[in-house]
């Protein structure tokens, strides 16, 4: 009985250790993925900001060109 209890305790301890390792690996992988996604989000936000600035500049130039032609500018 003592041997069986010792073996059972060892199995439970080993399972606990393995579970902790799996959780740690999962957490590490999740953090890696989240970090990569944050970098990607930042890069995409920079691109959106650049496109918005280009759009605003283009609209401004078109309005100025229309004003030079004497055409009424529309919004």
PDB file of N, CA and C in Angstrom:
ATOM      1  N   UNK A   1       0.839  -1.195   0.000  1.00  0.00           N
ATOM      2  CA  UNK A   1       0.000   0.000   0.000  1.00  0.00           C
ATOM      3  C   UNK A   1       0.883   1.257   0.000  1.00  0.00           C
ATOM      4  N   UNK A   2       1.939   1.229   0.814  1.00  0.00           N
ATOM      5  CA  UNK A   2       2.834   2.378   0.887  1.00  0.00           C
ATOM      6  C   UNK A   2       3.504   2.631  -0.455  1.00  0.00           C
ATOM      7  N   UNK A   3       3.897   1.553  -1.134  1.00  0.00           N
ATOM      8  CA  UNK A   3       4.527   1.710  -2.449  1.00  0.00           C
ATOM      9  C   UNK A   3       3.535   2.301  -3.458  1.00  0.00           C
ATOM     10  N   UNK A   4       2.302   1.847  -3.412  1.00  0.00           N
ATOM     11  CA  UNK A   4       1.278   2.351  -4.322  1.00  0.00           C
ATOM     12  C   UNK A   4       0.984   3.822  -4.036  1.00  0.00           C
ATOM     13  N   UNK A   5       0.949   4.191  -2.750  1.00  0.00           N
ATOM     14  CA  UNK A   5       0.717   5.592  -2.394  1.00  0.00           C
ATOM     15  C   UNK A   5       1.891   6.455  -2.856  1.00  0.00           C
ATOM     16  N   UNK A   6       3.098   5.941  -2.699  1.00  0.00           N
ATOM     17  CA  UNK A   6       4.276   6.687  -3.138  1.00  0.00           C
ATOM     18  C   UNK A   6       4.267   6.849  -4.655  1.00  0.00           C
ATOM     19  N   UNK A   7       3.934   5.776  -5.366  1.00  0.00           N
ATOM     20  CA  UNK A   7       3.872   5.834  -6.824  1.00  0.00           C
ATOM     21  C   UNK A   7       2.772   6.800  -7.265  1.00  0.00           C
ATOM     22  N   UNK A   8       1.629   6.753  -6.595  1.00  0.00           N
ATOM     23  CA  UNK A   8       0.530   7.667  -6.916  1.00  0.00           C
ATOM     24  C   UNK A   8       0.918   9.116  -6.665  1.00  0.00           C
ATOM     25  N   UNK A   9       1.579   9.368  -5.539  1.00  0.00           N
ATOM     26  CA  UNK A   9       2.033  10.727  -5.229  1.00  0.00           C
ATOM     27  C   UNK A   9       3.032  11.217  -6.265  1.00  0.00           C
ATOM     28  N   UNK A  10       3.920  10.320  -6.711  1.00  0.00           N
ATOM     29  CA  UNK A  10       4.905  10.699  -7.729  1.00  0.00           C
ATOM     30  C   UNK A  10       4.208  11.020  -9.042  1.00  0.00           C
ATOM     31  N   UNK A  11       3.214  10.217  -9.416  1.00  0.00           N
ATOM     32  CA  UNK A  11       2.471  10.485 -10.647  1.00  0.00           C
ATOM     33  C   UNK A  11       1.758  11.833 -10.577  1.00  0.00           C
ATOM     34  N   UNK A  12       1.149  12.112  -9.441  1.00  0.00           N
ATOM     35  CA  UNK A  12       0.451  13.394  -9.273  1.00  0.00           C
ATOM     36  C   UNK A  12       1.444  14.550  -9.346  1.00  0.00           C
ATOM     37  N   UNK A  13       2.600  14.389  -8.686  1.00  0.00           N
ATOM     38  CA  UNK A  13       3.623  15.445  -8.710  1.00  0.00           C
ATOM     39  C   UNK A  13       4.154  15.644 -10.122  1.00  0.00           C
ATOM     40  N   UNK A  14       4.410  14.537 -10.822  1.00  0.00           N
ATOM     41  CA  UNK A  14       4.901  14.643 -12.203  1.00  0.00           C
ATOM     42  C   UNK A  14       3.867  15.308 -13.110  1.00  0.00           C
ATOM     43  N   UNK A  15       2.616  14.959 -12.925  1.00  0.00           N
ATOM     44  CA  UNK A  15       1.549  15.563 -13.726  1.00  0.00           C
ATOM     45  C   UNK A  15       1.452  17.060 -13.433  1.00  0.00           C
ATOM     46  N   UNK A  16       1.592  17.428 -12.165  1.00  0.00           N
ATOM     47  CA  UNK A  16       1.566  18.851 -11.803  1.00  0.00           C
ATOM     48  C   UNK A  16       2.719  19.605 -12.435  1.00  0.00           C
ATOM     49  N   UNK A  17       3.889  19.002 -12.420  1.00  0.00           N
ATOM     50  CA  UNK A  17       5.059  19.626 -13.039  1.00  0.00           C
ATOM     51  C   UNK A  17       4.860  19.777 -14.543  1.00  0.00           C
ATOM     52  N   UNK A  18       4.357  18.723 -15.168  1.00  0.00           N
ATOM     53  CA  UNK A  18       4.116  18.764 -16.608  1.00  0.00           C
ATOM     54  C   UNK A  18       3.054  19.813 -16.953  1.00  0.00           C
ATOM     55  N   UNK A  19       2.013  19.886 -16.158  1.00  0.00           N
ATOM     56  CA  UNK A  19       0.962  20.885 -16.393  1.00  0.00           C
ATOM     57  C   UNK A  19       1.523  22.297 -16.263  1.00  0.00           C
ATOM     58  N   UNK A  20       2.350  22.518 -15.255  1.00  0.00           N
ATOM     59  CA  UNK A  20       2.953  23.842 -15.075  1.00  0.00           C
ATOM     60  C   UNK A  20       3.838  24.195 -16.260  1.00  0.00           C
ATOM     61  N   UNK A  21       4.563  23.219 -16.775  1.00  0.00           N
ATOM     62  CA  UNK A  21       5.439  23.447 -17.924  1.00  0.00           C
ATOM     63  C   UNK A  21       4.614  23.783 -19.170  1.00  0.00           C
ATOM     64  N   UNK A  22       3.518  23.060 -19.361  1.00  0.00           N
ATOM     65  CA  UNK A  22       2.650  23.322 -20.513  1.00  0.00           C
ATOM     66  C   UNK A  22       2.052  24.717 -20.424  1.00  0.00           C
ATOM     67  N   UNK A  23       1.612  25.104 -19.247  1.00  0.00           N
ATOM     68  CA  UNK A  23       1.042  26.447 -19.057  1.00  0.00           C
ATOM     69  C   UNK A  23       2.108  27.510 -19.320  1.00  0.00           C
ATOM     70  N   UNK A  24       3.318  27.292 -18.817  1.00  0.00           N
ATOM     71  CA  UNK A  24       4.401  28.257 -19.024  1.00  0.00           C
ATOM     72  C   UNK A  24       4.732  28.394 -20.508  1.00  0.00           C
ATOM     73  N   UNK A  25       4.787  27.265 -21.213  1.00  0.00           N
ATOM     74  CA  UNK A  25       5.073  27.310 -22.649  1.00  0.00           C
ATOM     75  C   UNK A  25       3.949  28.018 -23.403  1.00  0.00           C
ATOM     76  N   UNK A  26       2.716  27.737 -23.015  1.00  0.00           N
ATOM     77  CA  UNK A  26       1.574  28.389 -23.651  1.00  0.00           C
ATOM     78  C   UNK A  26       1.582  29.893 -23.407  1.00  0.00           C
ATOM     79  N   UNK A  27       1.900  30.274 -22.198  1.00  0.00           N
ATOM     80  CA  UNK A  27       1.973  31.701 -21.864  1.00  0.00           C
ATOM     81  C   UNK A  27       3.078  32.383 -22.650  1.00  0.00           C
ATOM     82  N   UNK A  28       4.214  31.727 -22.748  1.00  0.00           N
ATOM     83  CA  UNK A  28       5.338  32.276 -23.501  1.00  0.00           C
ATOM     84  C   UNK A  28       4.976  32.447 -24.975  1.00  0.00           C
ATOM     85  N   UNK A  29       4.344  31.430 -25.551  1.00  0.00           N
ATOM     86  CA  UNK A  29       3.948  31.492 -26.959  1.00  0.00           C
ATOM     87  C   UNK A  29       2.918  32.589 -27.174  1.00  0.00           C
ATOM     88  N   UNK A  30       1.955  32.695 -26.246  1.00  0.00           N
ATOM     89  CA  UNK A  30       0.938  33.750 -26.357  1.00  0.00           C
ATOM     90  C   UNK A  30       1.588  35.126 -26.321  1.00  0.00           C
ATOM     91  N   UNK A  31       2.542  35.322 -25.390  1.00  0.00           N
ATOM     92  CA  UNK A  31       3.217  36.611 -25.287  1.00  0.00           C
ATOM     93  C   UNK A  31       4.002  36.925 -26.564  1.00  0.00           C
ATOM     94  N   UNK A  32       4.601  35.899 -27.153  1.00  0.00           N
ATOM     95  CA  UNK A  32       5.340  36.074 -28.403  1.00  0.00           C
ATOM     96  C   UNK A  32       4.397  36.506 -29.530  1.00  0.00           C
ATOM     97  N   UNK A  33       3.255  35.843 -29.612  1.00  0.00           N
ATOM     98  CA  UNK A  33       2.280  36.170 -30.654  1.00  0.00           C
ATOM     99  C   UNK A  33       1.710  37.567 -30.446  1.00  0.00           C
ATOM    100  N   UNK A  34       1.367  37.892 -29.212  1.00  0.00           N
ATOM    101  CA  UNK A  34       0.819  39.219 -28.913  1.00  0.00           C
ATOM    102  C   UNK A  34       1.852  40.304 -29.244  1.00  0.00           C
ATOM    103  N   UNK A  35       3.106  40.059 -28.916  1.00  0.00           N
ATOM    104  CA  UNK A  35       4.162  41.024 -29.237  1.00  0.00           C
ATOM    105  C   UNK A  35       4.275  41.244 -30.737  1.00  0.00           C
ATOM    106  N   UNK A  36       4.243  40.156 -31.503  1.00  0.00           N
ATOM    107  CA  UNK A  36       4.326  40.268 -32.959  1.00  0.00           C
ATOM    108  C   UNK A  36       3.119  41.017 -33.514  1.00  0.00           C
ATOM    109  N   UNK A  37       1.942  40.743 -32.963  1.00  0.00           N
ATOM    110  CA  UNK A  37       0.739  41.434 -33.417  1.00  0.00           C
ATOM    111  C   UNK A  37       0.782  42.922 -33.073  1.00  0.00           C
ATOM    112  N   UNK A  38       1.350  43.259 -31.931  1.00  0.00           N
ATOM    113  CA  UNK A  38       1.456  44.672 -31.556  1.00  0.00           C
ATOM    114  C   UNK A  38       2.398  45.410 -32.505  1.00  0.00           C
ATOM    115  N   UNK A  39       3.489  44.762 -32.893  1.00  0.00           N
ATOM    116  CA  UNK A  39       4.408  45.366 -33.866  1.00  0.00           C
ATOM    117  C   UNK A  39       3.694  45.564 -35.192  1.00  0.00           C
ATOM    118  N   UNK A  40       2.963  44.531 -35.622  1.00  0.00           N
ATOM    119  CA  UNK A  40       2.231  44.614 -36.884  1.00  0.00           C
ATOM    120  C   UNK A  40       1.165  45.710 -36.826  1.00  0.00           C
ATOM    121  N   UNK A  41       0.457  45.809 -35.707  1.00  0.00           N
ATOM    122  CA  UNK A  41      -0.559  46.848 -35.556  1.00  0.00           C
ATOM    123  C   UNK A  41       0.060  48.235 -35.651  1.00  0.00           C
ATOM    124  N   UNK A  42       1.212  48.396 -35.012  1.00  0.00           N
ATOM    125  CA  UNK A  42       1.901  49.682 -35.042  1.00  0.00           C
ATOM    126  C   UNK A  42       2.328  50.045 -36.465  1.00  0.00           C
ATOM    127  N   UNK A  43       2.850  49.061 -37.189  1.00  0.00           N
ATOM    128  CA  UNK A  43       3.257  49.306 -38.572  1.00  0.00           C
ATOM    129  C   UNK A  43       2.057  49.675 -39.439  1.00  0.00           C
ATOM    130  N   UNK A  44       0.957  48.965 -39.242  1.00  0.00           N
ATOM    131  CA  UNK A  44      -0.252  49.274 -40.012  1.00  0.00           C
ATOM    132  C   UNK A  44      -0.808  50.651 -39.658  1.00  0.00           C
ATOM    133  N   UNK A  45      -0.746  51.011 -38.377  1.00  0.00           N
ATOM    134  CA  UNK A  45      -1.228  52.331 -37.977  1.00  0.00           C
ATOM    135  C   UNK A  45      -0.380  53.423 -38.607  1.00  0.00           C
ATOM    136  N   UNK A  46       0.934  53.198 -38.692  1.00  0.00           N
ATOM    137  CA  UNK A  46       1.817  54.162 -39.361  1.00  0.00           C
ATOM    138  C   UNK A  46       1.434  54.314 -40.833  1.00  0.00           C
ATOM    139  N   UNK A  47       1.110  53.191 -41.482  1.00  0.00           N
ATOM    140  CA  UNK A  47       0.707  53.247 -42.891  1.00  0.00           C
ATOM    141  C   UNK A  47      -0.609  53.989 -43.053  1.00  0.00           C
ATOM    142  N   UNK A  48      -1.556  53.746 -42.149  1.00  0.00           N
ATOM    143  CA  UNK A  48      -2.841  54.449 -42.202  1.00  0.00           C
ATOM    144  C   UNK A  48      -2.630  55.947 -42.010  1.00  0.00           C
ATOM    145  N   UNK A  49      -1.780  56.306 -41.069  1.00  0.00           N
ATOM    146  CA  UNK A  49      -1.498  57.720 -40.831  1.00  0.00           C
ATOM    147  C   UNK A  49      -0.856  58.370 -42.059  1.00  0.00           C
ATOM    148  N   UNK A  50       0.068  57.646 -42.699  1.00  0.00           N
ATOM    149  CA  UNK A  50       0.715  58.173 -43.903  1.00  0.00           C
ATOM    150  C   UNK A  50      -0.306  58.340 -45.023  1.00  0.00           C
ATOM    151  N   UNK A  51      -1.208  57.366 -45.175  1.00  0.00           N
ATOM    152  CA  UNK A  51      -2.241  57.476 -46.202  1.00  0.00           C
ATOM    153  C   UNK A  51      -3.186  58.645 -45.921  1.00  0.00           C
ATOM    154  N   UNK A  52      -3.534  58.840 -44.669  1.00  0.00           N
ATOM    155  CA  UNK A  52      -4.415  59.952 -44.305  1.00  0.00           C
ATOM    156  C   UNK A  52      -3.746  61.293 -44.604  1.00  0.00           C
ATOM    157  N   UNK A  53      -2.460  61.370 -44.297  1.00  0.00           N
ATOM    158  CA  UNK A  53      -1.725  62.609 -44.576  1.00  0.00           C
ATOM    159  C   UNK A  53      -1.646  62.850 -46.081  1.00  0.00           C
ATOM    160  N   UNK A  54      -1.380  61.804 -46.846  1.00  0.00           N
ATOM    161  CA  UNK A  54      -1.327  61.932 -48.306  1.00  0.00           C
ATOM    162  C   UNK A  54      -2.689  62.349 -48.855  1.00  0.00           C
ATOM    163  N   UNK A  55      -3.739  61.749 -48.319  1.00  0.00           N
ATOM    164  CA  UNK A  55      -5.090  62.102 -48.755  1.00  0.00           C
ATOM    165  C   UNK A  55      -5.375  63.576 -48.478  1.00  0.00           C
ATOM    166  N   UNK A  56      -5.078  64.015 -47.275  1.00  0.00           N
ATOM    167  CA  UNK A  56      -5.331  65.417 -46.915  1.00  0.00           C
ATOM    168  C   UNK A  56      -4.525  66.359 -47.804  1.00  0.00           C
ATOM    169  N   UNK A  57      -3.292  65.998 -48.099  1.00  0.00           N
ATOM    170  CA  UNK A  57      -2.438  66.825 -48.953  1.00  0.00           C
ATOM    171  C   UNK A  57      -3.000  66.873 -50.377  1.00  0.00           C
ATOM    172  N   UNK A  58      -3.445  65.732 -50.864  1.00  0.00           N
ATOM    173  CA  UNK A  58      -4.001  65.675 -52.216  1.00  0.00           C
ATOM    174  C   UNK A  58      -5.272  66.500 -52.318  1.00  0.00           C
ATOM    175  N   UNK A  59      -6.135  66.392 -51.336  1.00  0.00           N
ATOM    176  CA  UNK A  59      -7.370  67.184 -51.328  1.00  0.00           C
ATOM    177  C   UNK A  59      -7.042  68.675 -51.303  1.00  0.00           C
ATOM    178  N   UNK A  60      -6.082  69.043 -50.489  1.00  0.00           N
ATOM    179  CA  UNK A  60      -5.673  70.446 -50.398  1.00  0.00           C
ATOM    180  C   UNK A  60      -5.140  70.953 -51.741  1.00  0.00           C
ATOM    181  N   UNK A  61      -4.318  70.151 -52.390  1.00  0.00           N
ATOM    182  CA  UNK A  61      -3.760  70.547 -53.689  1.00  0.00           C
ATOM    183  C   UNK A  61      -4.847  70.648 -54.746  1.00  0.00           C
ATOM    184  N   UNK A  62      -5.796  69.729 -54.728  1.00  0.00           N
ATOM    185  CA  UNK A  62      -6.891  69.789 -55.693  1.00  0.00           C
ATOM    186  C   UNK A  62      -7.764  71.024 -55.479  1.00  0.00           C
ATOM    187  N   UNK A  63      -8.034  71.341 -54.221  1.00  0.00           N
ATOM    188  CA  UNK A  63      -8.821  72.547 -53.942  1.00  0.00           C
ATOM    189  C   UNK A  63      -8.076  73.797 -54.405  1.00  0.00           C
ATOM    190  N   UNK A  64      -6.774  73.832 -54.186  1.00  0.00           N
ATOM    191  CA  UNK A  64      -5.969  74.981 -54.613  1.00  0.00           C
ATOM    192  C   UNK A  64      -5.978  75.078 -56.142  1.00  0.00           C
ATOM    193  N   UNK A  65      -5.888  73.938 -56.821  1.00  0.00           N
ATOM    194  CA  UNK A  65      -5.903  73.954 -58.274  1.00  0.00           C
ATOM    195  C   UNK A  65      -7.252  74.438 -58.786  1.00  0.00           C
ATOM    196  N   UNK A  66      -8.342  73.980 -58.152  1.00  0.00           N
ATOM    197  CA  UNK A  66      -9.667  74.447 -58.551  1.00  0.00           C
ATOM    198  C   UNK A  66      -9.826  75.933 -58.306  1.00  0.00           C
ATOM    199  N   UNK A  67      -9.297  76.430 -57.217  1.00  0.00           N
ATOM    200  CA  UNK A  67      -9.370  77.864 -56.918  1.00  0.00           C
ATOM    201  C   UNK A  67      -8.630  78.671 -57.977  1.00  0.00           C
ATOM    202  N   UNK A  68      -7.483  78.149 -58.449  1.00  0.00           N
ATOM    203  CA  UNK A  68      -6.706  78.848 -59.476  1.00  0.00           C
ATOM    204  C   UNK A  68      -7.463  78.871 -60.806  1.00  0.00           C
ATOM    205  N   UNK A  69      -8.239  77.852 -61.060  1.00  0.00           N
ATOM    206  CA  UNK A  69      -9.020  77.797 -62.286  1.00  0.00           C
ATOM    207  C   UNK A  69     -10.295  78.624 -62.184  1.00  0.00           C
ATOM    208  N   UNK A  70     -10.599  79.072 -60.995  1.00  0.00           N
ATOM    209  CA  UNK A  70     -11.794  79.894 -60.802  1.00  0.00           C
ATOM    210  C   UNK A  70     -13.035  79.060 -60.649  1.00  0.00           C
ATOM    211  N   UNK A  71     -12.891  77.781 -60.494  1.00  0.00           N
ATOM    212  CA  UNK A  71     -14.057  76.927 -60.306  1.00  0.00           C
ATOM    213  C   UNK A  71     -14.431  76.913 -58.830  1.00  0.00           C
ATOM    214  N   UNK A  72     -15.694  76.832 -58.536  1.00  0.00           N
ATOM    215  CA  UNK A  72     -16.091  76.765 -57.121  1.00  0.00           C
ATOM    216  C   UNK A  72     -15.682  75.418 -56.515  1.00  0.00           C
ATOM    217  N   UNK A  73     -15.048  75.469 -55.370  1.00  0.00           N
ATOM    218  CA  UNK A  73     -14.607  74.251 -54.690  1.00  0.00           C
ATOM    219  C   UNK A  73     -15.794  73.639 -53.968  1.00  0.00           C
ATOM    220  N   UNK A  74     -15.910  72.343 -54.021  1.00  0.00           N
ATOM    221  CA  UNK A  74     -16.965  71.650 -53.283  1.00  0.00           C
ATOM    222  C   UNK A  74     -16.326  70.845 -52.174  1.00  0.00           C
ATOM    223  N   UNK A  75     -17.109  70.591 -51.150  1.00  0.00           N
ATOM    224  CA  UNK A  75     -16.594  69.853 -49.995  1.00  0.00           C
ATOM    225  C   UNK A  75     -16.676  68.377 -50.201  1.00  0.00           C
TER     226      UNK A  75
END
